[in-house]
PDB file of N, CA and C in Angstrom:
ATOM      1  N   MET A   1      19.102 -10.387   5.678  1.00  0.00           N
ATOM      2  CA  MET A   1      18.595 -10.212   4.326  1.00  0.00           C
ATOM      3  C   MET A   1      17.416 -11.158   4.092  1.00  0.00           C
ATOM      4  N   ILE A   2      16.403 -10.637   3.444  1.00  0.00           N
ATOM      5  CA  ILE A   2      15.194 -11.421   3.186  1.00  0.00           C
ATOM      6  C   ILE A   2      15.346 -12.123   1.832  1.00  0.00           C
ATOM      7  N   PRO A   3      15.156 -13.457   1.801  1.00  0.00           N
ATOM      8  CA  PRO A   3      15.310 -14.203   0.547  1.00  0.00           C
ATOM      9  C   PRO A   3      14.316 -13.739  -0.524  1.00  0.00           C
ATOM     10  N   GLN A   4      14.719 -13.812  -1.778  1.00  0.00           N
ATOM     11  CA  GLN A   4      13.897 -13.343  -2.896  1.00  0.00           C
ATOM     12  C   GLN A   4      12.570 -14.096  -2.976  1.00  0.00           C
ATOM     13  N   ASP A   5      12.571 -15.398  -2.705  1.00  0.00           N
ATOM     14  CA  ASP A   5      11.311 -16.148  -2.780  1.00  0.00           C
ATOM     15  C   ASP A   5      10.330 -15.700  -1.704  1.00  0.00           C
ATOM     16  N   THR A   6      10.826 -15.284  -0.548  1.00  0.00           N
ATOM     17  CA  THR A   6       9.962 -14.757   0.513  1.00  0.00           C
ATOM     18  C   THR A   6       9.391 -13.400   0.098  1.00  0.00           C
ATOM     19  N   ILE A   7      10.209 -12.571  -0.535  1.00  0.00           N
ATOM     20  CA  ILE A   7       9.737 -11.268  -1.031  1.00  0.00           C
ATOM     21  C   ILE A   7       8.620 -11.483  -2.055  1.00  0.00           C
ATOM     22  N   GLU A   8       8.789 -12.454  -2.932  1.00  0.00           N
ATOM     23  CA  GLU A   8       7.760 -12.755  -3.929  1.00  0.00           C
ATOM     24  C   GLU A   8       6.477 -13.236  -3.266  1.00  0.00           C
ATOM     25  N   LYS A   9       6.587 -14.054  -2.201  1.00  0.00           N
ATOM     26  CA  LYS A   9       5.411 -14.501  -1.450  1.00  0.00           C
ATOM     27  C   LYS A   9       4.669 -13.312  -0.849  1.00  0.00           C
ATOM     28  N   ILE A  10       5.430 -12.359  -0.311  1.00  0.00           N
ATOM     29  CA  ILE A  10       4.830 -11.162   0.297  1.00  0.00           C
ATOM     30  C   ILE A  10       4.068 -10.368  -0.760  1.00  0.00           C
ATOM     31  N   PHE A  11       4.690 -10.132  -1.920  1.00  0.00           N
ATOM     32  CA  PHE A  11       4.025  -9.394  -3.000  1.00  0.00           C
ATOM     33  C   PHE A  11       2.778 -10.131  -3.489  1.00  0.00           C
ATOM     34  N   ASP A  12       2.857 -11.456  -3.593  1.00  0.00           N
ATOM     35  CA  ASP A  12       1.718 -12.249  -4.069  1.00  0.00           C
ATOM     36  C   ASP A  12       0.554 -12.226  -3.070  1.00  0.00           C
ATOM     37  N   ALA A  13       0.861 -12.264  -1.788  1.00  0.00           N
ATOM     38  CA  ALA A  13      -0.171 -12.315  -0.758  1.00  0.00           C
ATOM     39  C   ALA A  13      -0.842 -10.965  -0.516  1.00  0.00           C
ATOM     40  N   CYS A  14      -0.112  -9.893  -0.762  1.00  0.00           N
ATOM     41  CA  CYS A  14      -0.596  -8.564  -0.415  1.00  0.00           C
ATOM     42  C   CYS A  14      -1.618  -8.046  -1.419  1.00  0.00           C
ATOM     43  N   HIS A  15      -2.774  -7.668  -0.912  1.00  0.00           N
ATOM     44  CA  HIS A  15      -3.803  -7.003  -1.709  1.00  0.00           C
ATOM     45  C   HIS A  15      -3.751  -5.531  -1.326  1.00  0.00           C
ATOM     46  N   ILE A  16      -3.356  -4.688  -2.262  1.00  0.00           N
ATOM     47  CA  ILE A  16      -3.113  -3.278  -1.966  1.00  0.00           C
ATOM     48  C   ILE A  16      -4.339  -2.594  -1.377  1.00  0.00           C
ATOM     49  N   GLU A  17      -5.530  -2.974  -1.833  1.00  0.00           N
ATOM     50  CA  GLU A  17      -6.745  -2.343  -1.320  1.00  0.00           C
ATOM     51  C   GLU A  17      -6.979  -2.687   0.153  1.00  0.00           C
ATOM     52  N   ASP A  18      -6.635  -3.905   0.564  1.00  0.00           N
ATOM     53  CA  ASP A  18      -6.764  -4.297   1.972  1.00  0.00           C
ATOM     54  C   ASP A  18      -5.735  -3.581   2.834  1.00  0.00           C
ATOM     55  N   LEU A  19      -4.515  -3.535   2.344  1.00  0.00           N
ATOM     56  CA  LEU A  19      -3.433  -2.906   3.097  1.00  0.00           C
ATOM     57  C   LEU A  19      -3.693  -1.414   3.292  1.00  0.00           C
ATOM     58  N   ILE A  20      -3.956  -0.704   2.218  1.00  0.00           N
ATOM     59  CA  ILE A  20      -4.194   0.738   2.320  1.00  0.00           C
ATOM     60  C   ILE A  20      -5.517   1.011   3.034  1.00  0.00           C
ATOM     61  N   GLY A  21      -6.482   0.109   2.880  1.00  0.00           N
ATOM     62  CA  GLY A  21      -7.770   0.246   3.566  1.00  0.00           C
ATOM     63  C   GLY A  21      -7.645   0.248   5.083  1.00  0.00           C
ATOM     64  N   ASP A  22      -6.543  -0.270   5.621  1.00  0.00           N
ATOM     65  CA  ASP A  22      -6.295  -0.209   7.066  1.00  0.00           C
ATOM     66  C   ASP A  22      -5.972   1.215   7.514  1.00  0.00           C
ATOM     67  N   PHE A  23      -5.544   2.066   6.579  1.00  0.00           N
ATOM     68  CA  PHE A  23      -5.108   3.428   6.910  1.00  0.00           C
ATOM     69  C   PHE A  23      -5.998   4.512   6.311  1.00  0.00           C
ATOM     70  N   VAL A  24      -6.686   4.185   5.216  1.00  0.00           N
ATOM     71  CA  VAL A  24      -7.490   5.166   4.482  1.00  0.00           C
ATOM     72  C   VAL A  24      -8.882   4.592   4.243  1.00  0.00           C
ATOM     73  N   ASP A  25      -9.912   5.420   4.450  1.00  0.00           N
ATOM     74  CA  ASP A  25     -11.289   5.018   4.154  1.00  0.00           C
ATOM     75  C   ASP A  25     -11.477   5.092   2.642  1.00  0.00           C
ATOM     76  N   LEU A  26     -11.584   3.931   1.990  1.00  0.00           N
ATOM     77  CA  LEU A  26     -11.677   3.867   0.532  1.00  0.00           C
ATOM     78  C   LEU A  26     -13.098   3.564   0.083  1.00  0.00           C
ATOM     79  N   LYS A  27     -13.516   4.243  -0.979  1.00  0.00           N
ATOM     80  CA  LYS A  27     -14.837   4.027  -1.577  1.00  0.00           C
ATOM     81  C   LYS A  27     -14.648   3.557  -3.019  1.00  0.00           C
ATOM     82  N   LYS A  28     -15.481   2.598  -3.423  1.00  0.00           N
ATOM     83  CA  LYS A  28     -15.414   2.067  -4.790  1.00  0.00           C
ATOM     84  C   LYS A  28     -15.834   3.159  -5.773  1.00  0.00           C
ATOM     85  N   ARG A  29     -15.036   3.350  -6.810  1.00  0.00           N
ATOM     86  CA  ARG A  29     -15.343   4.312  -7.875  1.00  0.00           C
ATOM     87  C   ARG A  29     -14.938   3.653  -9.187  1.00  0.00           C
ATOM     88  N   GLY A  30     -15.886   2.984  -9.839  1.00  0.00           N
ATOM     89  CA  GLY A  30     -15.579   2.224 -11.050  1.00  0.00           C
ATOM     90  C   GLY A  30     -14.728   1.014 -10.693  1.00  0.00           C
ATOM     91  N   VAL A  31     -13.617   0.830 -11.392  1.00  0.00           N
ATOM     92  CA  VAL A  31     -12.738  -0.303 -11.102  1.00  0.00           C
ATOM     93  C   VAL A  31     -11.732   0.032 -10.000  1.00  0.00           C
ATOM     94  N   ASN A  32     -11.615   1.316  -9.649  1.00  0.00           N
ATOM     95  CA  ASN A  32     -10.654   1.760  -8.640  1.00  0.00           C
ATOM     96  C   ASN A  32     -11.337   2.118  -7.328  1.00  0.00           C
ATOM     97  N   LEU A  33     -10.523   2.464  -6.340  1.00  0.00           N
ATOM     98  CA  LEU A  33     -11.025   2.928  -5.051  1.00  0.00           C
ATOM     99  C   LEU A  33     -10.485   4.335  -4.829  1.00  0.00           C
ATOM    100  N   LEU A  34     -11.279   5.168  -4.145  1.00  0.00           N
ATOM    101  CA  LEU A  34     -10.926   6.565  -3.960  1.00  0.00           C
ATOM    102  C   LEU A  34     -11.030   6.925  -2.484  1.00  0.00           C
ATOM    103  N   GLY A  35     -10.118   7.767  -2.010  1.00  0.00           N
ATOM    104  CA  GLY A  35     -10.145   8.209  -0.621  1.00  0.00           C
ATOM    105  C   GLY A  35      -9.355   9.487  -0.436  1.00  0.00           C
ATOM    106  N   LEU A  36      -9.370   9.984   0.803  1.00  0.00           N
ATOM    107  CA  LEU A  36      -8.585  11.166   1.140  1.00  0.00           C
ATOM    108  C   LEU A  36      -7.129  10.763   1.332  1.00  0.00           C
ATOM    109  N   CYS A  37      -6.239  11.511   0.747  1.00  0.00           N
ATOM    110  CA  CYS A  37      -4.809  11.189   0.802  1.00  0.00           C
ATOM    111  C   CYS A  37      -4.281  11.312   2.233  1.00  0.00           C
ATOM    112  N   PRO A  38      -3.553  10.290   2.705  1.00  0.00           N
ATOM    113  CA  PRO A  38      -2.976  10.349   4.053  1.00  0.00           C
ATOM    114  C   PRO A  38      -1.681  11.162   4.116  1.00  0.00           C
ATOM    115  N   PHE A  39      -1.187  11.616   2.957  1.00  0.00           N
ATOM    116  CA  PHE A  39       0.100  12.303   2.916  1.00  0.00           C
ATOM    117  C   PHE A  39      -0.024  13.823   2.886  1.00  0.00           C
ATOM    118  N   HIS A  40      -1.221  14.318   2.634  1.00  0.00           N
ATOM    119  CA  HIS A  40      -1.438  15.768   2.694  1.00  0.00           C
ATOM    120  C   HIS A  40      -2.894  16.035   3.080  1.00  0.00           C
ATOM    121  N   ASN A  41      -3.169  17.243   3.483  1.00  0.00           N
ATOM    122  CA  ASN A  41      -4.502  17.621   3.952  1.00  0.00           C
ATOM    123  C   ASN A  41      -5.375  17.970   2.752  1.00  0.00           C
ATOM    124  N   GLU A  42      -6.495  17.278   2.611  1.00  0.00           N
ATOM    125  CA  GLU A  42      -7.408  17.582   1.515  1.00  0.00           C
ATOM    126  C   GLU A  42      -8.850  17.341   1.936  1.00  0.00           C
ATOM    127  N   LYS A  43      -9.771  18.031   1.266  1.00  0.00           N
ATOM    128  CA  LYS A  43     -11.193  17.884   1.555  1.00  0.00           C
ATOM    129  C   LYS A  43     -11.908  17.053   0.503  1.00  0.00           C
ATOM    130  N   THR A  44     -11.389  17.080  -0.719  1.00  0.00           N
ATOM    131  CA  THR A  44     -11.963  16.311  -1.816  1.00  0.00           C
ATOM    132  C   THR A  44     -11.013  15.160  -2.147  1.00  0.00           C
ATOM    133  N   PRO A  45     -11.518  13.922  -2.165  1.00  0.00           N
ATOM    134  CA  PRO A  45     -10.639  12.773  -2.412  1.00  0.00           C
ATOM    135  C   PRO A  45      -9.910  12.839  -3.754  1.00  0.00           C
ATOM    136  N   SER A  46      -8.599  12.658  -3.704  1.00  0.00           N
ATOM    137  CA  SER A  46      -7.804  12.587  -4.931  1.00  0.00           C
ATOM    138  C   SER A  46      -6.833  11.406  -4.879  1.00  0.00           C
ATOM    139  N   PHE A  47      -6.980  10.560  -3.859  1.00  0.00           N
ATOM    140  CA  PHE A  47      -6.112   9.406  -3.638  1.00  0.00           C
ATOM    141  C   PHE A  47      -6.784   8.185  -4.260  1.00  0.00           C
ATOM    142  N   THR A  48      -6.166   7.614  -5.280  1.00  0.00           N
ATOM    143  CA  THR A  48      -6.753   6.504  -6.026  1.00  0.00           C
ATOM    144  C   THR A  48      -5.932   5.235  -5.825  1.00  0.00           C
ATOM    145  N   VAL A  49      -6.623   4.121  -5.603  1.00  0.00           N
ATOM    146  CA  VAL A  49      -5.987   2.809  -5.485  1.00  0.00           C
ATOM    147  C   VAL A  49      -6.521   1.930  -6.607  1.00  0.00           C
ATOM    148  N   SER A  50      -5.605   1.324  -7.355  1.00  0.00           N
ATOM    149  CA  SER A  50      -5.974   0.424  -8.439  1.00  0.00           C
ATOM    150  C   SER A  50      -5.630  -1.014  -8.044  1.00  0.00           C
ATOM    151  N   PRO A  51      -6.633  -1.795  -7.613  1.00  0.00           N
ATOM    152  CA  PRO A  51      -6.357  -3.191  -7.251  1.00  0.00           C
ATOM    153  C   PRO A  51      -5.829  -4.011  -8.427  1.00  0.00           C
ATOM    154  N   ALA A  52      -6.316  -3.743  -9.639  1.00  0.00           N
ATOM    155  CA  ALA A  52      -5.890  -4.501 -10.815  1.00  0.00           C
ATOM    156  C   ALA A  52      -4.401  -4.290 -11.108  1.00  0.00           C
ATOM    157  N   LYS A  53      -3.931  -3.067 -10.926  1.00  0.00           N
ATOM    158  CA  LYS A  53      -2.527  -2.751 -11.187  1.00  0.00           C
ATOM    159  C   LYS A  53      -1.650  -2.887  -9.950  1.00  0.00           C
ATOM    160  N   GLY A  54      -2.267  -2.915  -8.757  1.00  0.00           N
ATOM    161  CA  GLY A  54      -1.505  -3.034  -7.515  1.00  0.00           C
ATOM    162  C   GLY A  54      -0.756  -1.765  -7.143  1.00  0.00           C
ATOM    163  N   ILE A  55      -1.334  -0.606  -7.519  1.00  0.00           N
ATOM    164  CA  ILE A  55      -0.668   0.672  -7.247  1.00  0.00           C
ATOM    165  C   ILE A  55      -1.636   1.680  -6.634  1.00  0.00           C
ATOM    166  N   TYR A  56      -1.046   2.751  -6.064  1.00  0.00           N
ATOM    167  CA  TYR A  56      -1.829   3.891  -5.600  1.00  0.00           C
ATOM    168  C   TYR A  56      -1.233   5.147  -6.208  1.00  0.00           C
ATOM    169  N   LYS A  57      -2.061   6.199  -6.293  1.00  0.00           N
ATOM    170  CA  LYS A  57      -1.600   7.479  -6.825  1.00  0.00           C
ATOM    171  C   LYS A  57      -2.466   8.587  -6.247  1.00  0.00           C
ATOM    172  N   CYS A  58      -1.816   9.629  -5.741  1.00  0.00           N
ATOM    173  CA  CYS A  58      -2.538  10.813  -5.296  1.00  0.00           C
ATOM    174  C   CYS A  58      -2.369  11.877  -6.372  1.00  0.00           C
ATOM    175  N   PHE A  59      -3.480  12.355  -6.904  1.00  0.00           N
ATOM    176  CA  PHE A  59      -3.424  13.369  -7.950  1.00  0.00           C
ATOM    177  C   PHE A  59      -3.356  14.771  -7.348  1.00  0.00           C
ATOM    178  N   GLY A  60      -3.348  14.860  -6.016  1.00  0.00           N
ATOM    179  CA  GLY A  60      -3.176  16.140  -5.340  1.00  0.00           C
ATOM    180  C   GLY A  60      -1.711  16.436  -5.055  1.00  0.00           C
ATOM    181  N   CYS A  61      -1.024  15.486  -4.401  1.00  0.00           N
ATOM    182  CA  CYS A  61       0.377  15.712  -4.015  1.00  0.00           C
ATOM    183  C   CYS A  61       1.360  14.965  -4.913  1.00  0.00           C
ATOM    184  N   GLY A  62       0.856  14.026  -5.727  1.00  0.00           N
ATOM    185  CA  GLY A  62       1.723  13.332  -6.677  1.00  0.00           C
ATOM    186  C   GLY A  62       2.360  12.054  -6.171  1.00  0.00           C
ATOM    187  N   LYS A  63       2.135  11.688  -4.908  1.00  0.00           N
ATOM    188  CA  LYS A  63       2.749  10.456  -4.386  1.00  0.00           C
ATOM    189  C   LYS A  63       2.057   9.245  -4.989  1.00  0.00           C
ATOM    190  N   GLY A  64       2.848   8.206  -5.210  1.00  0.00           N
ATOM    191  CA  GLY A  64       2.305   6.987  -5.783  1.00  0.00           C
ATOM    192  C   GLY A  64       3.284   5.848  -5.637  1.00  0.00           C
ATOM    193  N   GLY A  65       2.821   4.645  -5.919  1.00  0.00           N
ATOM    194  CA  GLY A  65       3.686   3.476  -5.846  1.00  0.00           C
ATOM    195  C   GLY A  65       2.897   2.216  -5.558  1.00  0.00           C
ATOM    196  N   ASN A  66       3.604   1.218  -5.023  1.00  0.00           N
ATOM    197  CA  ASN A  66       2.972  -0.066  -4.697  1.00  0.00           C
ATOM    198  C   ASN A  66       2.779  -0.183  -3.185  1.00  0.00           C
ATOM    199  N   SER A  67       2.420  -1.365  -2.728  1.00  0.00           N
ATOM    200  CA  SER A  67       2.156  -1.607  -1.299  1.00  0.00           C
ATOM    201  C   SER A  67       3.361  -1.289  -0.423  1.00  0.00           C
ATOM    202  N   ILE A  68       4.527  -1.719  -0.872  1.00  0.00           N
ATOM    203  CA  ILE A  68       5.753  -1.505  -0.091  1.00  0.00           C
ATOM    204  C   ILE A  68       6.041  -0.010   0.026  1.00  0.00           C
ATOM    205  N   ASN A  69       5.930   0.706  -1.111  1.00  0.00           N
ATOM    206  CA  ASN A  69       6.151   2.153  -1.094  1.00  0.00           C
ATOM    207  C   ASN A  69       5.197   2.847  -0.136  1.00  0.00           C
ATOM    208  N   PHE A  70       3.938   2.398  -0.120  1.00  0.00           N
ATOM    209  CA  PHE A  70       2.952   3.020   0.759  1.00  0.00           C
ATOM    210  C   PHE A  70       3.357   2.867   2.222  1.00  0.00           C
ATOM    211  N   ILE A  71       3.721   1.652   2.630  1.00  0.00           N
ATOM    212  CA  ILE A  71       4.111   1.419   4.023  1.00  0.00           C
ATOM    213  C   ILE A  71       5.390   2.185   4.355  1.00  0.00           C
ATOM    214  N   MET A  72       6.335   2.222   3.428  1.00  0.00           N
ATOM    215  CA  MET A  72       7.570   2.974   3.668  1.00  0.00           C
ATOM    216  C   MET A  72       7.262   4.458   3.893  1.00  0.00           C
ATOM    217  N   GLU A  73       6.395   5.020   3.077  1.00  0.00           N
ATOM    218  CA  GLU A  73       6.059   6.447   3.163  1.00  0.00           C
ATOM    219  C   GLU A  73       5.188   6.738   4.393  1.00  0.00           C
ATOM    220  N   HIS A  74       4.161   5.921   4.594  1.00  0.00           N
ATOM    221  CA  HIS A  74       3.192   6.186   5.665  1.00  0.00           C
ATOM    222  C   HIS A  74       3.769   5.924   7.051  1.00  0.00           C
ATOM    223  N   GLU A  75       4.494   4.832   7.207  1.00  0.00           N
ATOM    224  CA  GLU A  75       5.016   4.430   8.516  1.00  0.00           C
ATOM    225  C   GLU A  75       6.469   4.858   8.732  1.00  0.00           C
ATOM    226  N   HIS A  76       7.076   5.459   7.713  1.00  0.00           N
ATOM    227  CA  HIS A  76       8.480   5.895   7.774  1.00  0.00           C
ATOM    228  C   HIS A  76       9.414   4.706   8.043  1.00  0.00           C
ATOM    229  N   TYR A  77       9.164   3.611   7.315  1.00  0.00           N
ATOM    230  CA  TYR A  77       9.980   2.410   7.416  1.00  0.00           C
ATOM    231  C   TYR A  77      10.950   2.358   6.237  1.00  0.00           C
ATOM    232  N   ASN A  78      12.039   1.594   6.422  1.00  0.00           N
ATOM    233  CA  ASN A  78      12.899   1.312   5.277  1.00  0.00           C
ATOM    234  C   ASN A  78      12.335   0.068   4.570  1.00  0.00           C
ATOM    235  N   TYR A  79      12.962  -0.343   3.472  1.00  0.00           N
ATOM    236  CA  TYR A  79      12.433  -1.446   2.662  1.00  0.00           C
ATOM    237  C   TYR A  79      12.281  -2.750   3.454  1.00  0.00           C
ATOM    238  N   PRO A  80      13.316  -3.219   4.172  1.00  0.00           N
ATOM    239  CA  PRO A  80      13.145  -4.472   4.932  1.00  0.00           C
ATOM    240  C   PRO A  80      12.067  -4.366   6.022  1.00  0.00           C
ATOM    241  N   GLU A  81      11.971  -3.217   6.685  1.00  0.00           N
ATOM    242  CA  GLU A  81      10.946  -3.040   7.715  1.00  0.00           C
ATOM    243  C   GLU A  81       9.546  -3.090   7.109  1.00  0.00           C
ATOM    244  N   ALA A  82       9.373  -2.492   5.939  1.00  0.00           N
ATOM    245  CA  ALA A  82       8.078  -2.513   5.257  1.00  0.00           C
ATOM    246  C   ALA A  82       7.712  -3.935   4.847  1.00  0.00           C
ATOM    247  N   LEU A  83       8.686  -4.684   4.341  1.00  0.00           N
ATOM    248  CA  LEU A  83       8.433  -6.083   3.984  1.00  0.00           C
ATOM    249  C   LEU A  83       8.015  -6.889   5.206  1.00  0.00           C
ATOM    250  N   LYS A  84       8.692  -6.675   6.326  1.00  0.00           N
ATOM    251  CA  LYS A  84       8.358  -7.393   7.566  1.00  0.00           C
ATOM    252  C   LYS A  84       6.971  -7.019   8.065  1.00  0.00           C
ATOM    253  N   PHE A  85       6.603  -5.733   7.956  1.00  0.00           N
ATOM    254  CA  PHE A  85       5.280  -5.263   8.367  1.00  0.00           C
ATOM    255  C   PHE A  85       4.192  -5.996   7.577  1.00  0.00           C
ATOM    256  N   ILE A  86       4.365  -6.051   6.252  1.00  0.00           N
ATOM    257  CA  ILE A  86       3.365  -6.699   5.401  1.00  0.00           C
ATOM    258  C   ILE A  86       3.379  -8.211   5.613  1.00  0.00           C
ATOM    259  N   ALA A  87       4.547  -8.804   5.765  1.00  0.00           N
ATOM    260  CA  ALA A  87       4.642 -10.249   6.032  1.00  0.00           C
ATOM    261  C   ALA A  87       3.910 -10.598   7.317  1.00  0.00           C
ATOM    262  N   ASN A  88       4.059  -9.770   8.328  1.00  0.00           N
ATOM    263  CA  ASN A  88       3.369 -10.002   9.595  1.00  0.00           C
ATOM    264  C   ASN A  88       1.851  -9.937   9.416  1.00  0.00           C
ATOM    265  N   LYS A  89       1.376  -8.973   8.629  1.00  0.00           N
ATOM    266  CA  LYS A  89      -0.069  -8.821   8.387  1.00  0.00           C
ATOM    267  C   LYS A  89      -0.645 -10.068   7.725  1.00  0.00           C
ATOM    268  N   TYR A  90       0.110 -10.664   6.812  1.00  0.00           N
ATOM    269  CA  TYR A  90      -0.377 -11.827   6.066  1.00  0.00           C
ATOM    270  C   TYR A  90       0.175 -13.145   6.588  1.00  0.00           C
ATOM    271  N   ASN A  91       0.745 -13.139   7.798  1.00  0.00           N
ATOM    272  CA  ASN A  91       1.268 -14.341   8.446  1.00  0.00           C
ATOM    273  C   ASN A  91       2.277 -15.105   7.588  1.00  0.00           C
ATOM    274  N   ILE A  92       3.196 -14.373   7.001  1.00  0.00           N
ATOM    275  CA  ILE A  92       4.271 -14.979   6.231  1.00  0.00           C
ATOM    276  C   ILE A  92       5.530 -14.943   7.085  1.00  0.00           C
ATOM    277  N   GLU A  93       6.131 -16.105   7.245  1.00  0.00           N
ATOM    278  CA  GLU A  93       7.338 -16.211   8.088  1.00  0.00           C
ATOM    279  C   GLU A  93       8.569 -15.790   7.298  1.00  0.00           C
ATOM    280  N   ILE A  94       9.359 -14.926   7.905  1.00  0.00           N
ATOM    281  CA  ILE A  94      10.619 -14.495   7.290  1.00  0.00           C
ATOM    282  C   ILE A  94      11.756 -15.210   7.992  1.00  0.00           C
ATOM    283  N   ASN A  95      12.560 -15.918   7.202  1.00  0.00           N
ATOM    284  CA  ASN A  95      13.687 -16.686   7.776  1.00  0.00           C
ATOM    285  C   ASN A  95      14.879 -15.810   7.975  1.00  0.00           C
TER     286      ASN A  95
END
């Protein structure tokens, strides 16, 4: 089990735009970022990332959530695996 303070460190360290940017080509559009959704086939970008809110939303297929949800959905990980994936990216040690 991952301690709550470690989970909070992971959430604090994670920048959703950097994390999702590893998987999706994002372009700045106002205060948000826009790209092609990795969860369904599309030609016109409908996948929006809000760095200020720390969330993503696809207006084509309806998927949305935070950084953890994205890794769980994209990589088919469970919650602890997604936390470990992000902790590894940001060099956070999990006890």
